Amino acid sequence: MYQWNWPILWATSSDGVYSYLGTLFLGLKWTLVVGLSAWVVALLTGAVVGVARTFTGGVFARLADAYVEFFRSIPLIVQMFLWFYVAPDLLPESAASAVKAWDKYNVVAAILCLSFYTSARVAEQVRAGIQAIPTGQSHAARALGLTTSEVYRYVLLPVGLRKILPALTNEFLNIIKNTSVAFTIAVVELMAATRSMQETTFQIFEAFTAATLIYLAVNLLVVRLMAFIERKLDVPGLGIRQSR
């Protein structure tokens, strides 16, 4: 019969420095570092690629199409291994050796992997948001003398991003949860800390219950934050938010 031992969370962990709960929060710190860094890069890259996807023909549109199809067609864990094990070998030998010897390269590899993987999904949402805007708005902007770049900057992107805020919230939640894959390349994020506690104490349910509650608290905070941003960015008359 399984022996429950909730006080184990406050016991000193195997490193002799933190409690097991403290170790989980240290893992949470790396989860947030990786997740938030990757989200910033993914949002910026996805916006650029998404705009390029709305162009009709041309080399930029084809490159954007290839980018999206490539990164969203390969499983996340495979991309994680490619960034960590394969990407350094594509560099010159001296640079490859330096990268492999860098003790934080696994964190950088995780950020790059999650950034490009998520940016492909964000790009599709940006494209859909822009194409959902009535063409009359872009025609009116051009009639006022705006250039193509100004139409995107002042009309299409601001409105399109507002329309896809709920979808971006989902991607923000996903990128926080997808950081758990980084434990496969030795990033000591929340999942890696949880597995370490489980393997050391054999208290499986306590370890994963604590991790679940931490993930839940973080994701609920993200949902509330994004809802606040959505309210602040709401433009009356655009019909983006439903009455509540």
C-alpha atoms as a PDB file:
ATOM      1  CA  MET A   1       0.000   0.000   0.000  1.00  0.00           C
ATOM      2  CA  TYR A   2       1.243   3.486  -0.902  1.00  0.00           C
ATOM      3  CA  GLN A   3       2.465   5.492   2.101  1.00  0.00           C
ATOM      4  CA  TRP A   4       1.469   9.154   1.872  1.00  0.00           C
ATOM      5  CA  ASN A   5       4.079  11.581   3.169  1.00  0.00           C
ATOM      6  CA  TRP A   6       3.147  15.200   2.504  1.00  0.00           C
ATOM      7  CA  PRO A   7       5.731  16.633   4.970  1.00  0.00           C
ATOM      8  CA  ILE A   8       8.412  15.360   2.549  1.00  0.00           C
ATOM      9  CA  LEU A   9       7.840  18.595   0.611  1.00  0.00           C
ATOM     10  CA  TRP A  10       9.446  20.544   3.459  1.00  0.00           C
ATOM     11  CA  ALA A  11      12.267  18.068   4.064  1.00  0.00           C
ATOM     12  CA  THR A  12      15.783  18.982   2.921  1.00  0.00           C
ATOM     13  CA  SER A  13      16.372  17.774  -0.621  1.00  0.00           C
ATOM     14  CA  SER A  14      19.294  15.641  -1.740  1.00  0.00           C
ATOM     15  CA  ASP A  15      21.357  18.752  -2.583  1.00  0.00           C
ATOM     16  CA  GLY A  16      21.360  19.667   1.115  1.00  0.00           C
ATOM     17  CA  VAL A  17      20.482  23.309   0.386  1.00  0.00           C
ATOM     18  CA  TYR A  18      16.765  23.609  -0.388  1.00  0.00           C
ATOM     19  CA  SER A  19      13.659  21.772   0.704  1.00  0.00           C
ATOM     20  CA  TYR A  20      11.996  19.647  -1.954  1.00  0.00           C
ATOM     21  CA  LEU A  21       9.333  22.330  -2.327  1.00  0.00           C
ATOM     22  CA  GLY A  22      12.078  24.920  -2.691  1.00  0.00           C
ATOM     23  CA  THR A  23      13.647  22.765  -5.401  1.00  0.00           C
ATOM     24  CA  LEU A  24      10.324  22.713  -7.246  1.00  0.00           C
ATOM     25  CA  PHE A  25      10.140  26.515  -7.099  1.00  0.00           C
ATOM     26  CA  LEU A  26      13.726  26.717  -8.352  1.00  0.00           C
ATOM     27  CA  GLY A  27      12.592  24.565 -11.279  1.00  0.00           C
ATOM     28  CA  LEU A  28       9.662  26.937 -11.749  1.00  0.00           C
ATOM     29  CA  LYS A  29      12.138  29.812 -12.069  1.00  0.00           C
ATOM     30  CA  TRP A  30      13.806  28.101 -15.034  1.00  0.00           C
ATOM     31  CA  THR A  31      10.410  27.210 -16.477  1.00  0.00           C
ATOM     32  CA  LEU A  32       9.498  30.904 -16.469  1.00  0.00           C
ATOM     33  CA  VAL A  33      12.899  32.008 -17.801  1.00  0.00           C
ATOM     34  CA  VAL A  34      12.685  29.589 -20.730  1.00  0.00           C
ATOM     35  CA  GLY A  35       8.964  30.086 -21.347  1.00  0.00           C
ATOM     36  CA  LEU A  36       8.883  33.886 -21.216  1.00  0.00           C
ATOM     37  CA  SER A  37      12.068  34.292 -23.268  1.00  0.00           C
ATOM     38  CA  ALA A  38      10.749  31.913 -25.913  1.00  0.00           C
ATOM     39  CA  TRP A  39       7.365  33.665 -25.929  1.00  0.00           C
ATOM     40  CA  VAL A  40       8.879  37.087 -26.688  1.00  0.00           C
ATOM     41  CA  VAL A  41      10.897  35.685 -29.608  1.00  0.00           C
ATOM     42  CA  ALA A  42       7.954  33.597 -30.844  1.00  0.00           C
ATOM     43  CA  LEU A  43       5.558  36.554 -30.798  1.00  0.00           C
ATOM     44  CA  LEU A  44       7.917  38.854 -32.709  1.00  0.00           C
ATOM     45  CA  THR A  45       8.968  36.206 -35.228  1.00  0.00           C
ATOM     46  CA  GLY A  46       5.428  34.913 -35.645  1.00  0.00           C
ATOM     47  CA  ALA A  47       4.115  38.414 -36.349  1.00  0.00           C
ATOM     48  CA  VAL A  48       6.692  38.963 -39.108  1.00  0.00           C
ATOM     49  CA  VAL A  49       6.108  35.550 -40.681  1.00  0.00           C
ATOM     50  CA  GLY A  50       2.323  35.915 -40.338  1.00  0.00           C
ATOM     51  CA  VAL A  51       2.376  39.231 -42.183  1.00  0.00           C
ATOM     52  CA  ALA A  52       4.488  37.686 -44.944  1.00  0.00           C
ATOM     53  CA  ARG A  53       1.912  34.871 -45.220  1.00  0.00           C
ATOM     54  CA  THR A  54      -0.748  37.426 -46.183  1.00  0.00           C
ATOM     55  CA  PHE A  55       1.192  38.562 -49.251  1.00  0.00           C
ATOM     56  CA  THR A  56       0.023  37.260 -52.612  1.00  0.00           C
ATOM     57  CA  GLY A  57       2.916  35.368 -54.183  1.00  0.00           C
ATOM     58  CA  GLY A  58       6.487  36.561 -54.050  1.00  0.00           C
ATOM     59  CA  VAL A  59       9.596  35.151 -52.439  1.00  0.00           C
ATOM     60  CA  PHE A  60       8.716  36.356 -48.928  1.00  0.00           C
ATOM     61  CA  ALA A  61       5.346  34.608 -48.995  1.00  0.00           C
ATOM     62  CA  ARG A  62       6.926  31.350 -50.200  1.00  0.00           C
ATOM     63  CA  LEU A  63       9.657  31.509 -47.561  1.00  0.00           C
ATOM     64  CA  ALA A  64       7.039  32.183 -44.873  1.00  0.00           C
ATOM     65  CA  ASP A  65       4.974  29.225 -46.083  1.00  0.00           C
ATOM     66  CA  ALA A  66       8.021  26.954 -45.950  1.00  0.00           C
ATOM     67  CA  TYR A  67       8.931  28.240 -42.478  1.00  0.00           C
ATOM     68  CA  VAL A  68       5.497  27.479 -41.053  1.00  0.00           C
ATOM     69  CA  GLU A  69       5.182  24.059 -42.666  1.00  0.00           C
ATOM     70  CA  PHE A  70       8.670  23.038 -41.536  1.00  0.00           C
ATOM     71  CA  PHE A  71       8.431  23.995 -37.871  1.00  0.00           C
ATOM     72  CA  ARG A  72       4.866  22.869 -37.271  1.00  0.00           C
ATOM     73  CA  SER A  73       5.342  19.506 -39.014  1.00  0.00           C
ATOM     74  CA  ILE A  74       8.207  18.223 -36.830  1.00  0.00           C
ATOM     75  CA  PRO A  75       7.369  17.005 -33.298  1.00  0.00           C
ATOM     76  CA  LEU A  76       8.551  19.299 -30.543  1.00  0.00           C
ATOM     77  CA  ILE A  77      10.782  16.727 -28.848  1.00  0.00           C
ATOM     78  CA  VAL A  78      12.539  15.993 -32.161  1.00  0.00           C
ATOM     79  CA  GLN A  79      13.211  19.705 -32.643  1.00  0.00           C
ATOM     80  CA  MET A  80      14.545  19.889 -29.081  1.00  0.00           C
ATOM     81  CA  PHE A  81      17.069  17.139 -29.820  1.00  0.00           C
ATOM     82  CA  LEU A  82      18.032  18.750 -33.145  1.00  0.00           C
ATOM     83  CA  TRP A  83      18.774  22.088 -31.505  1.00  0.00           C
ATOM     84  CA  PHE A  84      20.765  20.514 -28.693  1.00  0.00           C
ATOM     85  CA  TYR A  85      22.644  17.667 -30.386  1.00  0.00           C
ATOM     86  CA  VAL A  86      22.773  18.574 -34.087  1.00  0.00           C
ATOM     87  CA  ALA A  87      22.785  22.387 -34.373  1.00  0.00           C
ATOM     88  CA  PRO A  88      26.227  22.904 -32.737  1.00  0.00           C
ATOM     89  CA  ASP A  89      27.840  20.551 -35.262  1.00  0.00           C
ATOM     90  CA  LEU A  90      26.684  22.818 -38.089  1.00  0.00           C
ATOM     91  CA  LEU A  91      29.032  25.529 -36.796  1.00  0.00           C
ATOM     92  CA  PRO A  92      32.777  25.731 -37.474  1.00  0.00           C
ATOM     93  CA  GLU A  93      34.717  23.250 -35.343  1.00  0.00           C
ATOM     94  CA  SER A  94      36.070  25.804 -32.866  1.00  0.00           C
ATOM     95  CA  ALA A  95      32.640  27.393 -32.394  1.00  0.00           C
ATOM     96  CA  ALA A  96      30.989  23.987 -32.061  1.00  0.00           C
ATOM     97  CA  SER A  97      33.410  22.980 -29.321  1.00  0.00           C
ATOM     98  CA  ALA A  98      32.806  26.242 -27.455  1.00  0.00           C
ATOM     99  CA  VAL A  99      29.031  25.838 -27.679  1.00  0.00           C
ATOM    100  CA  LYS A 100      29.133  22.235 -26.458  1.00  0.00           C
ATOM    101  CA  ALA A 101      31.358  23.232 -23.526  1.00  0.00           C
ATOM    102  CA  TRP A 102      29.002  26.058 -22.494  1.00  0.00           C
ATOM    103  CA  ASP A 103      27.050  24.876 -19.450  1.00  0.00           C
ATOM    104  CA  LYS A 104      24.020  27.023 -20.326  1.00  0.00           C
ATOM    105  CA  TYR A 105      23.680  25.951 -23.951  1.00  0.00           C
ATOM    106  CA  ASN A 106      20.903  23.529 -23.005  1.00  0.00           C
ATOM    107  CA  VAL A 107      18.849  26.502 -21.773  1.00  0.00           C
ATOM    108  CA  VAL A 108      19.557  28.467 -24.966  1.00  0.00           C
ATOM    109  CA  ALA A 109      18.687  25.414 -27.090  1.00  0.00           C
ATOM    110  CA  ALA A 110      15.379  25.036 -25.247  1.00  0.00           C
ATOM    111  CA  ILE A 111      14.541  28.724 -25.777  1.00  0.00           C
ATOM    112  CA  LEU A 112      15.385  28.550 -29.494  1.00  0.00           C
ATOM    113  CA  CYS A 113      13.419  25.342 -29.971  1.00  0.00           C
ATOM    114  CA  LEU A 114      10.283  26.628 -28.243  1.00  0.00           C
ATOM    115  CA  SER A 115      10.616  30.012 -29.971  1.00  0.00           C
ATOM    116  CA  PHE A 116      10.636  28.659 -33.518  1.00  0.00           C
ATOM    117  CA  TYR A 117       8.108  25.904 -32.819  1.00  0.00           C
ATOM    118  CA  THR A 118       5.628  28.356 -31.302  1.00  0.00           C
ATOM    119  CA  SER A 119       6.307  31.137 -33.810  1.00  0.00           C
ATOM    120  CA  ALA A 120       5.031  28.908 -36.628  1.00  0.00           C
ATOM    121  CA  ARG A 121       1.724  28.547 -34.778  1.00  0.00           C
ATOM    122  CA  VAL A 122       1.581  32.260 -33.929  1.00  0.00           C
ATOM    123  CA  ALA A 123       2.248  33.091 -37.599  1.00  0.00           C
ATOM    124  CA  GLU A 124      -0.837  31.166 -38.680  1.00  0.00           C
ATOM    125  CA  GLN A 125      -2.941  32.978 -36.097  1.00  0.00           C
ATOM    126  CA  VAL A 126      -1.604  36.373 -37.178  1.00  0.00           C
ATOM    127  CA  ARG A 127      -2.353  35.506 -40.796  1.00  0.00           C
ATOM    128  CA  ALA A 128      -5.904  34.442 -39.884  1.00  0.00           C
ATOM    129  CA  GLY A 129      -6.442  37.563 -37.786  1.00  0.00           C
ATOM    130  CA  ILE A 130      -5.348  39.897 -40.593  1.00  0.00           C
ATOM    131  CA  GLN A 131      -7.376  38.068 -43.234  1.00  0.00           C
ATOM    132  CA  ALA A 132     -10.447  38.254 -40.981  1.00  0.00           C
ATOM    133  CA  ILE A 133     -10.413  42.055 -41.183  1.00  0.00           C
ATOM    134  CA  PRO A 134     -12.856  43.424 -43.783  1.00  0.00           C
ATOM    135  CA  THR A 135     -10.986  44.545 -46.891  1.00  0.00           C
ATOM    136  CA  GLY A 136     -12.716  47.905 -46.655  1.00  0.00           C
ATOM    137  CA  GLN A 137     -10.380  48.921 -43.839  1.00  0.00           C
ATOM    138  CA  SER A 138      -7.233  48.403 -45.900  1.00  0.00           C
ATOM    139  CA  HIS A 139      -8.851  50.073 -48.925  1.00  0.00           C
ATOM    140  CA  ALA A 140      -9.795  53.079 -46.790  1.00  0.00           C
ATOM    141  CA  ALA A 141      -6.244  53.280 -45.410  1.00  0.00           C
ATOM    142  CA  ARG A 142      -4.787  53.238 -48.914  1.00  0.00           C
ATOM    143  CA  ALA A 143      -7.282  55.879 -50.006  1.00  0.00           C
ATOM    144  CA  LEU A 144      -5.911  58.102 -47.238  1.00  0.00           C
ATOM    145  CA  GLY A 145      -2.456  57.789 -48.801  1.00  0.00           C
ATOM    146  CA  LEU A 146      -0.898  55.200 -46.480  1.00  0.00           C
ATOM    147  CA  THR A 147       1.811  52.975 -47.911  1.00  0.00           C
ATOM    148  CA  THR A 148       1.635  49.187 -47.657  1.00  0.00           C
ATOM    149  CA  SER A 149       3.913  49.106 -44.617  1.00  0.00           C
ATOM    150  CA  GLU A 150       1.853  51.845 -42.942  1.00  0.00           C
ATOM    151  CA  VAL A 151      -1.378  49.968 -43.650  1.00  0.00           C
ATOM    152  CA  TYR A 152       0.004  46.932 -41.838  1.00  0.00           C
ATOM    153  CA  ARG A 153       1.575  48.981 -39.041  1.00  0.00           C
ATOM    154  CA  TYR A 154      -1.353  51.270 -38.246  1.00  0.00           C
ATOM    155  CA  VAL A 155      -4.416  49.283 -39.357  1.00  0.00           C
ATOM    156  CA  LEU A 156      -4.067  45.580 -40.042  1.00  0.00           C
ATOM    157  CA  LEU A 157      -1.654  44.467 -37.306  1.00  0.00           C
ATOM    158  CA  PRO A 158      -3.239  46.405 -34.416  1.00  0.00           C
ATOM    159  CA  VAL A 159      -6.717  45.140 -35.261  1.00  0.00           C
ATOM    160  CA  GLY A 160      -5.574  41.637 -36.232  1.00  0.00           C
ATOM    161  CA  LEU A 161      -3.642  41.124 -33.000  1.00  0.00           C
ATOM    162  CA  ARG A 162      -6.637  42.238 -30.976  1.00  0.00           C
ATOM    163  CA  LYS A 163      -8.810  39.680 -32.761  1.00  0.00           C
ATOM    164  CA  ILE A 164      -6.471  36.789 -31.972  1.00  0.00           C
ATOM    165  CA  LEU A 165      -5.729  37.606 -28.318  1.00  0.00           C
ATOM    166  CA  PRO A 166      -7.680  34.538 -27.077  1.00  0.00           C
ATOM    167  CA  ALA A 167      -5.653  32.316 -29.426  1.00  0.00           C
ATOM    168  CA  LEU A 168      -2.425  33.981 -28.293  1.00  0.00           C
ATOM    169  CA  THR A 169      -3.443  33.272 -24.707  1.00  0.00           C
ATOM    170  CA  ASN A 170      -3.665  29.575 -25.580  1.00  0.00           C
ATOM    171  CA  GLU A 171      -0.209  29.694 -27.147  1.00  0.00           C
ATOM    172  CA  PHE A 172       1.180  31.442 -24.065  1.00  0.00           C
ATOM    173  CA  LEU A 173      -0.230  28.646 -21.908  1.00  0.00           C
ATOM    174  CA  ASN A 174       1.131  26.035 -24.294  1.00  0.00           C
ATOM    175  CA  ILE A 175       4.650  27.429 -24.267  1.00  0.00           C
ATOM    176  CA  ILE A 176       4.723  27.358 -20.450  1.00  0.00           C
ATOM    177  CA  LYS A 177       3.589  23.716 -20.494  1.00  0.00           C
ATOM    178  CA  ASN A 178       5.898  22.791 -23.373  1.00  0.00           C
ATOM    179  CA  THR A 179       8.909  23.816 -21.305  1.00  0.00           C
ATOM    180  CA  SER A 180       8.478  20.419 -19.626  1.00  0.00           C
ATOM    181  CA  VAL A 181      10.050  18.855 -22.732  1.00  0.00           C
ATOM    182  CA  ALA A 182      13.291  20.705 -21.917  1.00  0.00           C
ATOM    183  CA  PHE A 183      14.061  18.192 -19.156  1.00  0.00           C
ATOM    184  CA  THR A 184      15.113  15.793 -21.946  1.00  0.00           C
ATOM    185  CA  ILE A 185      18.169  17.991 -22.577  1.00  0.00           C
ATOM    186  CA  ALA A 186      18.969  18.430 -18.861  1.00  0.00           C
ATOM    187  CA  VAL A 187      17.297  21.790 -18.272  1.00  0.00           C
ATOM    188  CA  VAL A 188      16.326  21.648 -14.601  1.00  0.00           C
ATOM    189  CA  GLU A 189      12.893  23.215 -15.031  1.00  0.00           C
ATOM    190  CA  LEU A 190       9.792  22.285 -13.028  1.00  0.00           C
ATOM    191  CA  MET A 191       9.268  18.855 -14.605  1.00  0.00           C
ATOM    192  CA  ALA A 192      12.920  17.886 -14.182  1.00  0.00           C
ATOM    193  CA  ALA A 193      12.816  19.004 -10.527  1.00  0.00           C
ATOM    194  CA  THR A 194       9.642  16.973 -10.030  1.00  0.00           C
ATOM    195  CA  ARG A 195      11.147  13.847 -11.535  1.00  0.00           C
ATOM    196  CA  SER A 196      14.277  14.309  -9.425  1.00  0.00           C
ATOM    197  CA  MET A 197      12.170  14.510  -6.261  1.00  0.00           C
ATOM    198  CA  GLN A 198      10.152  11.466  -7.282  1.00  0.00           C
ATOM    199  CA  GLU A 199      13.240   9.386  -8.030  1.00  0.00           C
ATOM    200  CA  THR A 200      14.951  10.418  -4.784  1.00  0.00           C
ATOM    201  CA  THR A 201      12.035  10.026  -2.362  1.00  0.00           C
ATOM    202  CA  PHE A 202       9.775   7.584  -4.254  1.00  0.00           C
ATOM    203  CA  GLN A 203       6.860   9.843  -3.219  1.00  0.00           C
ATOM    204  CA  ILE A 204       5.360   9.976  -6.694  1.00  0.00           C
ATOM    205  CA  PHE A 205       1.954  11.427  -5.884  1.00  0.00           C
ATOM    206  CA  GLU A 206       3.257  14.166  -3.606  1.00  0.00           C
ATOM    207  CA  ALA A 207       5.831  15.294  -6.173  1.00  0.00           C
ATOM    208  CA  PHE A 208       3.477  15.388  -9.145  1.00  0.00           C
ATOM    209  CA  THR A 209       0.566  16.826  -7.160  1.00  0.00           C
ATOM    210  CA  ALA A 210       2.753  19.741  -6.055  1.00  0.00           C
ATOM    211  CA  ALA A 211       3.964  20.259  -9.638  1.00  0.00           C
ATOM    212  CA  THR A 212       0.393  20.140 -10.939  1.00  0.00           C
ATOM    213  CA  LEU A 213      -0.727  22.812  -8.481  1.00  0.00           C
ATOM    214  CA  ILE A 214       2.227  25.024  -9.407  1.00  0.00           C
ATOM    215  CA  TYR A 215       1.495  24.678 -13.149  1.00  0.00           C
ATOM    216  CA  LEU A 216      -2.189  25.375 -12.467  1.00  0.00           C
ATOM    217  CA  ALA A 217      -1.424  28.513 -10.439  1.00  0.00           C
ATOM    218  CA  VAL A 218       0.938  29.869 -13.114  1.00  0.00           C
ATOM    219  CA  ASN A 219      -1.493  29.186 -15.959  1.00  0.00           C
ATOM    220  CA  LEU A 220      -4.425  30.749 -14.089  1.00  0.00           C
ATOM    221  CA  LEU A 221      -2.269  33.841 -13.532  1.00  0.00           C
ATOM    222  CA  VAL A 222      -1.484  33.946 -17.266  1.00  0.00           C
ATOM    223  CA  VAL A 223      -5.191  33.675 -18.115  1.00  0.00           C
ATOM    224  CA  ARG A 224      -6.053  36.555 -15.791  1.00  0.00           C
ATOM    225  CA  LEU A 225      -3.197  38.672 -17.133  1.00  0.00           C
ATOM    226  CA  MET A 226      -4.200  38.099 -20.757  1.00  0.00           C
ATOM    227  CA  ALA A 227      -7.849  38.836 -19.926  1.00  0.00           C
ATOM    228  CA  PHE A 228      -6.733  42.144 -18.385  1.00  0.00           C
ATOM    229  CA  ILE A 229      -4.692  42.975 -21.497  1.00  0.00           C
ATOM    230  CA  GLU A 230      -7.638  42.064 -23.713  1.00  0.00           C
ATOM    231  CA  ARG A 231      -9.909  44.443 -21.800  1.00  0.00           C
ATOM    232  CA  LYS A 232      -7.361  47.238 -22.003  1.00  0.00           C
ATOM    233  CA  LEU A 233      -6.884  46.797 -25.754  1.00  0.00           C
ATOM    234  CA  ASP A 234     -10.571  46.487 -26.548  1.00  0.00           C
ATOM    235  CA  VAL A 235     -11.770  48.995 -29.163  1.00  0.00           C
ATOM    236  CA  PRO A 236     -15.511  49.726 -28.988  1.00  0.00           C
ATOM    237  CA  GLY A 237     -17.276  48.956 -32.229  1.00  0.00           C
ATOM    238  CA  LEU A 238     -14.849  46.362 -33.551  1.00  0.00           C
ATOM    239  CA  GLY A 239     -16.866  43.507 -32.081  1.00  0.00           C
ATOM    240  CA  ILE A 240     -13.764  41.754 -30.744  1.00  0.00           C
ATOM    241  CA  ARG A 241     -15.061  41.145 -27.214  1.00  0.00           C
ATOM    242  CA  GLN A 242     -18.493  39.779 -26.515  1.00  0.00           C
ATOM    243  CA  SER A 243     -20.614  41.540 -23.965  1.00  0.00           C
ATOM    244  CA  ARG A 244     -20.437  39.911 -20.506  1.00  0.00           C
END
